[in-house]
Protein backbone atom coordinates (compact mmCIF):
# COMPACT_ATOMS: atom_id res chain seq x y z
CA UNK A 1 0.00 0.00 0.00
CA UNK A 2 1.28 3.43 -0.90
CA UNK A 3 -1.17 5.56 1.08
CA UNK A 4 -4.55 5.68 2.70
CA UNK A 5 -6.79 8.44 1.40
CA UNK A 6 -10.04 9.59 2.93
CA UNK A 7 -13.08 9.38 0.73
CA UNK A 8 -14.08 12.85 -0.38
CA UNK A 9 -17.64 14.04 -0.46
CA UNK A 10 -19.10 16.69 -2.77
CA UNK A 11 -18.20 19.63 -0.47
CA UNK A 12 -14.58 18.40 -0.34
CA UNK A 13 -14.44 18.26 -4.12
CA UNK A 14 -16.01 21.69 -4.44
CA UNK A 15 -13.40 23.17 -2.05
CA UNK A 16 -10.56 21.51 -3.94
CA UNK A 17 -11.83 22.75 -7.30
CA UNK A 18 -12.28 26.28 -5.93
CA UNK A 19 -8.74 26.29 -4.50
CA UNK A 20 -7.32 25.05 -7.80
CA UNK A 21 -9.27 27.67 -9.75
CA UNK A 22 -8.05 30.47 -7.48
CA UNK A 23 -4.43 29.32 -7.79
CA UNK A 24 -4.78 29.11 -11.58
CA UNK A 25 -6.37 32.54 -11.86
CA UNK A 26 -3.78 34.10 -9.58
CA UNK A 27 -1.26 33.06 -12.22
CA UNK A 28 1.84 32.69 -10.04
CA UNK A 29 3.45 30.20 -12.41
CA UNK A 30 2.31 31.82 -15.64
CA UNK A 31 3.43 35.25 -14.47
CA UNK A 32 6.84 34.08 -13.23
CA UNK A 33 9.68 34.91 -15.56
CA UNK A 34 11.23 31.96 -17.43
CA UNK A 35 14.43 32.13 -15.36
CA UNK A 36 12.45 31.71 -12.13
CA UNK A 37 10.46 28.80 -13.56
CA UNK A 38 13.74 27.27 -14.70
CA UNK A 39 15.18 27.50 -11.19
CA UNK A 40 12.10 25.80 -9.76
CA UNK A 41 12.24 22.97 -12.32
CA UNK A 42 15.98 22.47 -11.84
CA UNK A 43 15.49 22.28 -8.07
CA UNK A 44 12.76 19.70 -8.60
CA UNK A 45 15.16 17.61 -10.70
CA UNK A 46 17.83 17.93 -8.00
CA UNK A 47 15.41 16.79 -5.31
CA UNK A 48 14.30 13.84 -7.44
CA UNK A 49 17.92 12.79 -7.85
CA UNK A 50 18.60 13.21 -4.12
CA UNK A 51 15.59 11.02 -3.28
CA UNK A 52 16.10 8.52 -6.09
CA UNK A 53 15.85 5.39 -3.95
CA UNK A 54 12.63 6.44 -2.21
CA UNK A 55 11.03 7.59 -5.45
CA UNK A 56 12.09 4.42 -7.25
CA UNK A 57 10.57 2.24 -4.53
CA UNK A 58 7.32 4.20 -4.69
CA UNK A 59 7.29 4.03 -8.49
CA UNK A 60 7.92 0.27 -8.45
CA UNK A 61 5.12 -0.28 -5.94
CA UNK A 62 2.75 1.96 -7.86
CA UNK A 63 3.38 0.64 -11.37
CA UNK A 64 4.67 -2.86 -10.76
CA UNK A 65 7.90 -2.11 -12.62
CA UNK A 66 10.95 -3.94 -11.32
CA UNK A 67 12.82 -1.77 -8.82
CA UNK A 68 15.88 -1.79 -11.10
CA UNK A 69 13.84 -0.27 -13.94
CA UNK A 70 12.29 2.31 -11.66
CA UNK A 71 15.71 3.24 -10.24
CA UNK A 72 17.63 3.05 -13.51
CA UNK A 73 15.06 4.35 -16.00
CA UNK A 74 11.77 5.77 -14.72
CA UNK A 75 12.90 8.19 -12.03
CA UNK A 76 16.14 9.29 -13.75
CA UNK A 77 14.24 9.98 -16.98
CA UNK A 78 11.73 12.12 -15.09
CA UNK A 79 14.57 13.98 -13.35
CA UNK A 80 16.37 14.50 -16.67
CA UNK A 81 13.35 16.29 -18.08
CA UNK A 82 15.36 19.42 -17.41
CA UNK A 83 14.05 22.87 -18.08
CA UNK A 84 14.58 24.36 -21.51
CA UNK A 85 13.79 28.03 -22.11
CA UNK A 86 11.16 27.27 -24.74
CA UNK A 87 9.35 24.69 -22.63
CA UNK A 88 8.98 26.95 -19.59
CA UNK A 89 8.09 30.16 -21.44
PDB file of N, CA and C in Angstrom:
ATOM      1  N   UNK A   1       0.834  -1.165   0.000  1.00  0.00           N
ATOM      2  CA  UNK A   1       0.000   0.000   0.000  1.00  0.00           C
ATOM      3  C   UNK A   1       0.889   1.241   0.000  1.00  0.00           C
ATOM      4  N   UNK A   2       0.524   2.192  -0.813  1.00  0.00           N
ATOM      5  CA  UNK A   2       1.283   3.432  -0.903  1.00  0.00           C
ATOM      6  C   UNK A   2       0.739   4.455   0.088  1.00  0.00           C
ATOM      7  N   UNK A   3      -0.579   4.577   0.179  1.00  0.00           N
ATOM      8  CA  UNK A   3      -1.175   5.565   1.077  1.00  0.00           C
ATOM      9  C   UNK A   3      -2.627   5.225   1.335  1.00  0.00           C
ATOM     10  N   UNK A   4      -3.127   5.738   2.434  1.00  0.00           N
ATOM     11  CA  UNK A   4      -4.553   5.684   2.703  1.00  0.00           C
ATOM     12  C   UNK A   4      -5.098   7.082   2.463  1.00  0.00           C
ATOM     13  N   UNK A   5      -6.202   7.157   1.753  1.00  0.00           N
ATOM     14  CA  UNK A   5      -6.793   8.438   1.404  1.00  0.00           C
ATOM     15  C   UNK A   5      -8.248   8.427   1.835  1.00  0.00           C
ATOM     16  N   UNK A   6      -8.643   9.484   2.504  1.00  0.00           N
ATOM     17  CA  UNK A   6     -10.036   9.590   2.934  1.00  0.00           C
ATOM     18  C   UNK A   6     -10.938   9.767   1.724  1.00  0.00           C
ATOM     19  N   UNK A   7     -12.100   9.212   1.808  1.00  0.00           N
ATOM     20  CA  UNK A   7     -13.077   9.379   0.726  1.00  0.00           C
ATOM     21  C   UNK A   7     -13.623  10.805   0.788  1.00  0.00           C
ATOM     22  N   UNK A   8     -13.595  11.485  -0.329  1.00  0.00           N
ATOM     23  CA  UNK A   8     -14.084  12.851  -0.382  1.00  0.00           C
ATOM     24  C   UNK A   8     -15.559  12.888  -0.741  1.00  0.00           C
ATOM     25  N   UNK A   9     -16.228  13.807  -0.151  1.00  0.00           N
ATOM     26  CA  UNK A   9     -17.638  14.039  -0.462  1.00  0.00           C
ATOM     27  C   UNK A   9     -17.742  15.277  -1.359  1.00  0.00           C
ATOM     28  N   UNK A  10     -18.904  15.564  -1.854  1.00  0.00           N
ATOM     29  CA  UNK A  10     -19.099  16.687  -2.772  1.00  0.00           C
ATOM     30  C   UNK A  10     -18.538  18.008  -2.231  1.00  0.00           C
ATOM     31  N   UNK A  11     -18.765  18.373  -0.966  1.00  0.00           N
ATOM     32  CA  UNK A  11     -18.200  19.633  -0.467  1.00  0.00           C
ATOM     33  C   UNK A  11     -16.663  19.647  -0.505  1.00  0.00           C
ATOM     34  N   UNK A  12     -16.042  18.487  -0.270  1.00  0.00           N
ATOM     35  CA  UNK A  12     -14.583  18.398  -0.339  1.00  0.00           C
ATOM     36  C   UNK A  12     -14.098  18.657  -1.768  1.00  0.00           C
ATOM     37  N   UNK A  13     -14.794  18.076  -2.717  1.00  0.00           N
ATOM     38  CA  UNK A  13     -14.442  18.256  -4.124  1.00  0.00           C
ATOM     39  C   UNK A  13     -14.636  19.706  -4.533  1.00  0.00           C
ATOM     40  N   UNK A  14     -15.748  20.286  -4.111  1.00  0.00           N
ATOM     41  CA  UNK A  14     -16.006  21.692  -4.438  1.00  0.00           C
ATOM     42  C   UNK A  14     -14.912  22.604  -3.888  1.00  0.00           C
ATOM     43  N   UNK A  15     -14.482  22.353  -2.641  1.00  0.00           N
ATOM     44  CA  UNK A  15     -13.403  23.170  -2.051  1.00  0.00           C
ATOM     45  C   UNK A  15     -12.099  22.986  -2.812  1.00  0.00           C
ATOM     46  N   UNK A  16     -11.799  21.770  -3.201  1.00  0.00           N
ATOM     47  CA  UNK A  16     -10.558  21.506  -3.938  1.00  0.00           C
ATOM     48  C   UNK A  16     -10.582  22.191  -5.304  1.00  0.00           C
ATOM     49  N   UNK A  17     -11.702  22.114  -5.988  1.00  0.00           N
ATOM     50  CA  UNK A  17     -11.831  22.753  -7.304  1.00  0.00           C
ATOM     51  C   UNK A  17     -11.713  24.271  -7.162  1.00  0.00           C
ATOM     52  N   UNK A  18     -12.352  24.832  -6.152  1.00  0.00           N
ATOM     53  CA  UNK A  18     -12.275  26.276  -5.927  1.00  0.00           C
ATOM     54  C   UNK A  18     -10.837  26.714  -5.635  1.00  0.00           C
ATOM     55  N   UNK A  19     -10.134  25.961  -4.809  1.00  0.00           N
ATOM     56  CA  UNK A  19      -8.740  26.293  -4.496  1.00  0.00           C
ATOM     57  C   UNK A  19      -7.870  26.214  -5.747  1.00  0.00           C
ATOM     58  N   UNK A  20      -8.088  25.189  -6.564  1.00  0.00           N
ATOM     59  CA  UNK A  20      -7.319  25.055  -7.802  1.00  0.00           C
ATOM     60  C   UNK A  20      -7.621  26.197  -8.759  1.00  0.00           C
ATOM     61  N   UNK A  21      -8.874  26.565  -8.865  1.00  0.00           N
ATOM     62  CA  UNK A  21      -9.273  27.667  -9.751  1.00  0.00           C
ATOM     63  C   UNK A  21      -8.628  28.974  -9.301  1.00  0.00           C
ATOM     64  N   UNK A  22      -8.655  29.240  -7.998  1.00  0.00           N
ATOM     65  CA  UNK A  22      -8.050  30.471  -7.475  1.00  0.00           C
ATOM     66  C   UNK A  22      -6.546  30.503  -7.753  1.00  0.00           C
ATOM     67  N   UNK A  23      -5.881  29.382  -7.534  1.00  0.00           N
ATOM     68  CA  UNK A  23      -4.434  29.316  -7.794  1.00  0.00           C
ATOM     69  C   UNK A  23      -4.150  29.539  -9.277  1.00  0.00           C
ATOM     70  N   UNK A  24      -4.960  28.943 -10.137  1.00  0.00           N
ATOM     71  CA  UNK A  24      -4.776  29.112 -11.576  1.00  0.00           C
ATOM     72  C   UNK A  24      -4.990  30.569 -11.983  1.00  0.00           C
ATOM     73  N   UNK A  25      -6.057  31.161 -11.489  1.00  0.00           N
ATOM     74  CA  UNK A  25      -6.373  32.535 -11.863  1.00  0.00           C
ATOM     75  C   UNK A  25      -5.376  33.544 -11.298  1.00  0.00           C
ATOM     76  N   UNK A  26      -4.788  33.225 -10.155  1.00  0.00           N
ATOM     77  CA  UNK A  26      -3.776  34.102  -9.578  1.00  0.00           C
ATOM     78  C   UNK A  26      -2.562  34.170 -10.507  1.00  0.00           C
ATOM     79  N   UNK A  27      -2.271  33.064 -11.178  1.00  0.00           N
ATOM     80  CA  UNK A  27      -1.256  33.064 -12.221  1.00  0.00           C
ATOM     81  C   UNK A  27       0.177  33.094 -11.762  1.00  0.00           C
ATOM     82  N   UNK A  28       0.460  32.632 -10.542  1.00  0.00           N
ATOM     83  CA  UNK A  28       1.840  32.690 -10.044  1.00  0.00           C
ATOM     84  C   UNK A  28       2.843  32.061 -11.014  1.00  0.00           C
ATOM     85  N   UNK A  29       2.518  30.895 -11.518  1.00  0.00           N
ATOM     86  CA  UNK A  29       3.446  30.200 -12.413  1.00  0.00           C
ATOM     87  C   UNK A  29       3.503  30.896 -13.772  1.00  0.00           C
ATOM     88  N   UNK A  30       2.357  31.197 -14.314  1.00  0.00           N
ATOM     89  CA  UNK A  30       2.307  31.823 -15.636  1.00  0.00           C
ATOM     90  C   UNK A  30       2.961  33.197 -15.643  1.00  0.00           C
ATOM     91  N   UNK A  31       2.863  33.911 -14.536  1.00  0.00           N
ATOM     92  CA  UNK A  31       3.433  35.254 -14.467  1.00  0.00           C
ATOM     93  C   UNK A  31       4.904  35.272 -14.065  1.00  0.00           C
ATOM     94  N   UNK A  32       5.415  34.150 -13.594  1.00  0.00           N
ATOM     95  CA  UNK A  32       6.835  34.082 -13.229  1.00  0.00           C
ATOM     96  C   UNK A  32       7.685  34.166 -14.495  1.00  0.00           C
ATOM     97  N   UNK A  33       8.823  34.827 -14.372  1.00  0.00           N
ATOM     98  CA  UNK A  33       9.680  34.911 -15.559  1.00  0.00           C
ATOM     99  C   UNK A  33      10.307  33.542 -15.822  1.00  0.00           C
ATOM    100  N   UNK A  34      10.691  33.278 -17.072  1.00  0.00           N
ATOM    101  CA  UNK A  34      11.230  31.962 -17.427  1.00  0.00           C
ATOM    102  C   UNK A  34      12.429  31.544 -16.582  1.00  0.00           C
ATOM    103  N   UNK A  35      13.264  32.483 -16.182  1.00  0.00           N
ATOM    104  CA  UNK A  35      14.426  32.133 -15.357  1.00  0.00           C
ATOM    105  C   UNK A  35      13.979  31.577 -14.003  1.00  0.00           C
ATOM    106  N   UNK A  36      12.964  32.191 -13.412  1.00  0.00           N
ATOM    107  CA  UNK A  36      12.446  31.706 -12.126  1.00  0.00           C
ATOM    108  C   UNK A  36      11.833  30.318 -12.289  1.00  0.00           C
ATOM    109  N   UNK A  37      11.043  30.132 -13.327  1.00  0.00           N
ATOM    110  CA  UNK A  37      10.463  28.798 -13.565  1.00  0.00           C
ATOM    111  C   UNK A  37      11.564  27.777 -13.772  1.00  0.00           C
ATOM    112  N   UNK A  38      12.612  28.177 -14.485  1.00  0.00           N
ATOM    113  CA  UNK A  38      13.739  27.273 -14.704  1.00  0.00           C
ATOM    114  C   UNK A  38      14.394  26.867 -13.403  1.00  0.00           C
ATOM    115  N   UNK A  39      14.575  27.820 -12.485  1.00  0.00           N
ATOM    116  CA  UNK A  39      15.183  27.497 -11.191  1.00  0.00           C
ATOM    117  C   UNK A  39      14.309  26.517 -10.408  1.00  0.00           C
ATOM    118  N   UNK A  40      13.010  26.706 -10.467  1.00  0.00           N
ATOM    119  CA  UNK A  40      12.097  25.799  -9.765  1.00  0.00           C
ATOM    120  C   UNK A  40      12.200  24.391 -10.351  1.00  0.00           C
ATOM    121  N   UNK A  41      12.185  24.293 -11.668  1.00  0.00           N
ATOM    122  CA  UNK A  41      12.239  22.971 -12.316  1.00  0.00           C
ATOM    123  C   UNK A  41      13.587  22.288 -12.094  1.00  0.00           C
ATOM    124  N   UNK A  42      14.666  23.058 -12.114  1.00  0.00           N
ATOM    125  CA  UNK A  42      15.978  22.469 -11.843  1.00  0.00           C
ATOM    126  C   UNK A  42      16.058  21.972 -10.405  1.00  0.00           C
ATOM    127  N   UNK A  43      15.496  22.723  -9.472  1.00  0.00           N
ATOM    128  CA  UNK A  43      15.493  22.277  -8.072  1.00  0.00           C
ATOM    129  C   UNK A  43      14.669  21.006  -7.923  1.00  0.00           C
ATOM    130  N   UNK A  44      13.555  20.923  -8.626  1.00  0.00           N
ATOM    131  CA  UNK A  44      12.761  19.695  -8.598  1.00  0.00           C
ATOM    132  C   UNK A  44      13.589  18.512  -9.084  1.00  0.00           C
ATOM    133  N   UNK A  45      14.313  18.687 -10.173  1.00  0.00           N
ATOM    134  CA  UNK A  45      15.157  17.612 -10.697  1.00  0.00           C
ATOM    135  C   UNK A  45      16.239  17.230  -9.687  1.00  0.00           C
ATOM    136  N   UNK A  46      16.820  18.219  -9.022  1.00  0.00           N
ATOM    137  CA  UNK A  46      17.833  17.928  -7.997  1.00  0.00           C
ATOM    138  C   UNK A  46      17.232  17.112  -6.859  1.00  0.00           C
ATOM    139  N   UNK A  47      16.056  17.509  -6.406  1.00  0.00           N
ATOM    140  CA  UNK A  47      15.408  16.786  -5.313  1.00  0.00           C
ATOM    141  C   UNK A  47      15.043  15.362  -5.721  1.00  0.00           C
ATOM    142  N   UNK A  48      14.611  15.188  -6.954  1.00  0.00           N
ATOM    143  CA  UNK A  48      14.295  13.839  -7.438  1.00  0.00           C
ATOM    144  C   UNK A  48      15.540  12.965  -7.441  1.00  0.00           C
ATOM    145  N   UNK A  49      16.659  13.539  -7.841  1.00  0.00           N
ATOM    146  CA  UNK A  49      17.919  12.791  -7.851  1.00  0.00           C
ATOM    147  C   UNK A  49      18.357  12.464  -6.430  1.00  0.00           C
ATOM    148  N   UNK A  50      18.226  13.424  -5.513  1.00  0.00           N
ATOM    149  CA  UNK A  50      18.604  13.206  -4.118  1.00  0.00           C
ATOM    150  C   UNK A  50      17.763  12.115  -3.463  1.00  0.00           C
ATOM    151  N   UNK A  51      16.519  11.984  -3.884  1.00  0.00           N
ATOM    152  CA  UNK A  51      15.594  11.016  -3.279  1.00  0.00           C
ATOM    153  C   UNK A  51      15.298   9.858  -4.228  1.00  0.00           C
ATOM    154  N   UNK A  52      16.270   9.550  -5.065  1.00  0.00           N
ATOM    155  CA  UNK A  52      16.101   8.518  -6.093  1.00  0.00           C
ATOM    156  C   UNK A  52      15.604   7.199  -5.530  1.00  0.00           C
ATOM    157  N   UNK A  53      16.227   6.706  -4.466  1.00  0.00           N
ATOM    158  CA  UNK A  53      15.848   5.386  -3.951  1.00  0.00           C
ATOM    159  C   UNK A  53      14.410   5.359  -3.448  1.00  0.00           C
ATOM    160  N   UNK A  54      14.013   6.388  -2.711  1.00  0.00           N
ATOM    161  CA  UNK A  54      12.631   6.436  -2.205  1.00  0.00           C
ATOM    162  C   UNK A  54      11.636   6.555  -3.351  1.00  0.00           C
ATOM    163  N   UNK A  55      11.932   7.425  -4.311  1.00  0.00           N
ATOM    164  CA  UNK A  55      11.028   7.592  -5.452  1.00  0.00           C
ATOM    165  C   UNK A  55      10.951   6.321  -6.290  1.00  0.00           C
ATOM    166  N   UNK A  56      12.079   5.658  -6.468  1.00  0.00           N
ATOM    167  CA  UNK A  56      12.089   4.416  -7.251  1.00  0.00           C
ATOM    168  C   UNK A  56      11.252   3.333  -6.568  1.00  0.00           C
ATOM    169  N   UNK A  57      11.368   3.232  -5.259  1.00  0.00           N
ATOM    170  CA  UNK A  57      10.571   2.241  -4.533  1.00  0.00           C
ATOM    171  C   UNK A  57       9.079   2.548  -4.668  1.00  0.00           C
ATOM    172  N   UNK A  58       8.726   3.805  -4.531  1.00  0.00           N
ATOM    173  CA  UNK A  58       7.322   4.198  -4.688  1.00  0.00           C
ATOM    174  C   UNK A  58       6.838   3.922  -6.105  1.00  0.00           C
ATOM    175  N   UNK A  59       7.653   4.266  -7.092  1.00  0.00           N
ATOM    176  CA  UNK A  59       7.285   4.026  -8.492  1.00  0.00           C
ATOM    177  C   UNK A  59       7.115   2.534  -8.761  1.00  0.00           C
ATOM    178  N   UNK A  60       8.020   1.719  -8.246  1.00  0.00           N
ATOM    179  CA  UNK A  60       7.920   0.269  -8.447  1.00  0.00           C
ATOM    180  C   UNK A  60       6.650  -0.283  -7.802  1.00  0.00           C
ATOM    181  N   UNK A  61       6.348   0.177  -6.618  1.00  0.00           N
ATOM    182  CA  UNK A  61       5.124  -0.281  -5.942  1.00  0.00           C
ATOM    183  C   UNK A  61       3.874   0.185  -6.689  1.00  0.00           C
ATOM    184  N   UNK A  62       3.920   1.397  -7.192  1.00  0.00           N
ATOM    185  CA  UNK A  62       2.752   1.962  -7.861  1.00  0.00           C
ATOM    186  C   UNK A  62       2.494   1.321  -9.216  1.00  0.00           C
ATOM    187  N   UNK A  63       3.550   1.112  -9.999  1.00  0.00           N
ATOM    188  CA  UNK A  63       3.382   0.644 -11.375  1.00  0.00           C
ATOM    189  C   UNK A  63       3.634  -0.837 -11.565  1.00  0.00           C
ATOM    190  N   UNK A  64       4.315  -1.455 -10.609  1.00  0.00           N
ATOM    191  CA  UNK A  64       4.670  -2.860 -10.765  1.00  0.00           C
ATOM    192  C   UNK A  64       5.950  -3.063 -11.553  1.00  0.00           C
ATOM    193  N   UNK A  65       6.616  -1.972 -11.931  1.00  0.00           N
ATOM    194  CA  UNK A  65       7.904  -2.105 -12.618  1.00  0.00           C
ATOM    195  C   UNK A  65       8.918  -2.703 -11.666  1.00  0.00           C
ATOM    196  N   UNK A  66       9.865  -3.474 -12.187  1.00  0.00           N
ATOM    197  CA  UNK A  66      10.950  -3.943 -11.325  1.00  0.00           C
ATOM    198  C   UNK A  66      11.686  -2.736 -10.726  1.00  0.00           C
ATOM    199  N   UNK A  67      12.152  -2.872  -9.502  1.00  0.00           N
ATOM    200  CA  UNK A  67      12.820  -1.768  -8.822  1.00  0.00           C
ATOM    201  C   UNK A  67      14.028  -1.276  -9.626  1.00  0.00           C
ATOM    202  N   UNK A  68      14.730  -2.192 -10.291  1.00  0.00           N
ATOM    203  CA  UNK A  68      15.876  -1.792 -11.104  1.00  0.00           C
ATOM    204  C   UNK A  68      15.486  -0.869 -12.247  1.00  0.00           C
ATOM    205  N   UNK A  69      14.330  -1.148 -12.864  1.00  0.00           N
ATOM    206  CA  UNK A  69      13.841  -0.274 -13.939  1.00  0.00           C
ATOM    207  C   UNK A  69      13.424   1.085 -13.383  1.00  0.00           C
ATOM    208  N   UNK A  70      12.733   1.049 -12.254  1.00  0.00           N
ATOM    209  CA  UNK A  70      12.290   2.306 -11.662  1.00  0.00           C
ATOM    210  C   UNK A  70      13.500   3.155 -11.265  1.00  0.00           C
ATOM    211  N   UNK A  71      14.521   2.508 -10.691  1.00  0.00           N
ATOM    212  CA  UNK A  71      15.707   3.239 -10.243  1.00  0.00           C
ATOM    213  C   UNK A  71      16.604   3.639 -11.407  1.00  0.00           C
ATOM    214  N   UNK A  72      16.706   2.804 -12.409  1.00  0.00           N
ATOM    215  CA  UNK A  72      17.633   3.055 -13.507  1.00  0.00           C
ATOM    216  C   UNK A  72      17.040   3.773 -14.702  1.00  0.00           C
ATOM    217  N   UNK A  73      15.700   3.773 -14.810  1.00  0.00           N
ATOM    218  CA  UNK A  73      15.063   4.346 -15.997  1.00  0.00           C
ATOM    219  C   UNK A  73      13.984   5.372 -15.628  1.00  0.00           C
ATOM    220  N   UNK A  74      12.950   4.929 -14.931  1.00  0.00           N
ATOM    221  CA  UNK A  74      11.770   5.771 -14.724  1.00  0.00           C
ATOM    222  C   UNK A  74      12.079   7.082 -13.997  1.00  0.00           C
ATOM    223  N   UNK A  75      12.636   6.979 -12.812  1.00  0.00           N
ATOM    224  CA  UNK A  75      12.902   8.188 -12.027  1.00  0.00           C
ATOM    225  C   UNK A  75      14.005   9.035 -12.671  1.00  0.00           C
ATOM    226  N   UNK A  76      15.118   8.440 -13.099  1.00  0.00           N
ATOM    227  CA  UNK A  76      16.137   9.286 -13.747  1.00  0.00           C
ATOM    228  C   UNK A  76      15.616   9.993 -14.998  1.00  0.00           C
ATOM    229  N   UNK A  77      14.793   9.327 -15.790  1.00  0.00           N
ATOM    230  CA  UNK A  77      14.241   9.984 -16.978  1.00  0.00           C
ATOM    231  C   UNK A  77      13.356  11.164 -16.592  1.00  0.00           C
ATOM    232  N   UNK A  78      12.572  11.003 -15.548  1.00  0.00           N
ATOM    233  CA  UNK A  78      11.734  12.122 -15.090  1.00  0.00           C
ATOM    234  C   UNK A  78      12.615  13.259 -14.589  1.00  0.00           C
ATOM    235  N   UNK A  79      13.669  12.950 -13.865  1.00  0.00           N
ATOM    236  CA  UNK A  79      14.567  13.985 -13.345  1.00  0.00           C
ATOM    237  C   UNK A  79      15.350  14.659 -14.471  1.00  0.00           C
ATOM    238  N   UNK A  80      15.616  13.921 -15.546  1.00  0.00           N
ATOM    239  CA  UNK A  80      16.372  14.497 -16.669  1.00  0.00           C
ATOM    240  C   UNK A  80      15.508  15.369 -17.567  1.00  0.00           C
ATOM    241  N   UNK A  81      14.228  15.423 -17.299  1.00  0.00           N
ATOM    242  CA  UNK A  81      13.353  16.293 -18.077  1.00  0.00           C
ATOM    243  C   UNK A  81      13.644  17.726 -17.655  1.00  0.00           C
ATOM    244  N   UNK A  82      14.875  18.112 -17.861  1.00  0.00           N
ATOM    245  CA  UNK A  82      15.365  19.420 -17.415  1.00  0.00           C
ATOM    246  C   UNK A  82      14.691  20.538 -18.174  1.00  0.00           C
ATOM    247  N   UNK A  83      14.665  21.673 -17.524  1.00  0.00           N
ATOM    248  CA  UNK A  83      14.047  22.867 -18.084  1.00  0.00           C
ATOM    249  C   UNK A  83      14.803  23.324 -19.319  1.00  0.00           C
ATOM    250  N   UNK A  84      14.033  23.719 -20.312  1.00  0.00           N
ATOM    251  CA  UNK A  84      14.579  24.364 -21.507  1.00  0.00           C
ATOM    252  C   UNK A  84      13.814  25.675 -21.658  1.00  0.00           C
ATOM    253  N   UNK A  85      14.476  26.739 -22.044  1.00  0.00           N
ATOM    254  CA  UNK A  85      13.792  28.034 -22.115  1.00  0.00           C
ATOM    255  C   UNK A  85      12.465  28.001 -22.861  1.00  0.00           C
ATOM    256  N   UNK A  86      12.407  27.295 -23.977  1.00  0.00           N
ATOM    257  CA  UNK A  86      11.161  27.273 -24.743  1.00  0.00           C
ATOM    258  C   UNK A  86      10.056  26.527 -24.036  1.00  0.00           C
ATOM    259  N   UNK A  87      10.396  25.480 -23.256  1.00  0.00           N
ATOM    260  CA  UNK A  87       9.348  24.686 -22.626  1.00  0.00           C
ATOM    261  C   UNK A  87       8.790  25.342 -21.380  1.00  0.00           C
ATOM    262  N   UNK A  88       9.479  26.305 -20.805  1.00  0.00           N
ATOM    263  CA  UNK A  88       8.984  26.953 -19.591  1.00  0.00           C
ATOM    264  C   UNK A  88       8.416  28.339 -19.887  1.00  0.00           C
ATOM    265  N   UNK A  89       8.565  28.804 -21.105  1.00  0.00           N
ATOM    266  CA  UNK A  89       8.093  30.158 -21.441  1.00  0.00           C
ATOM    267  C   UNK A  89       6.614  30.182 -21.702  1.00  0.00           C
TER     268      UNK A  89
END
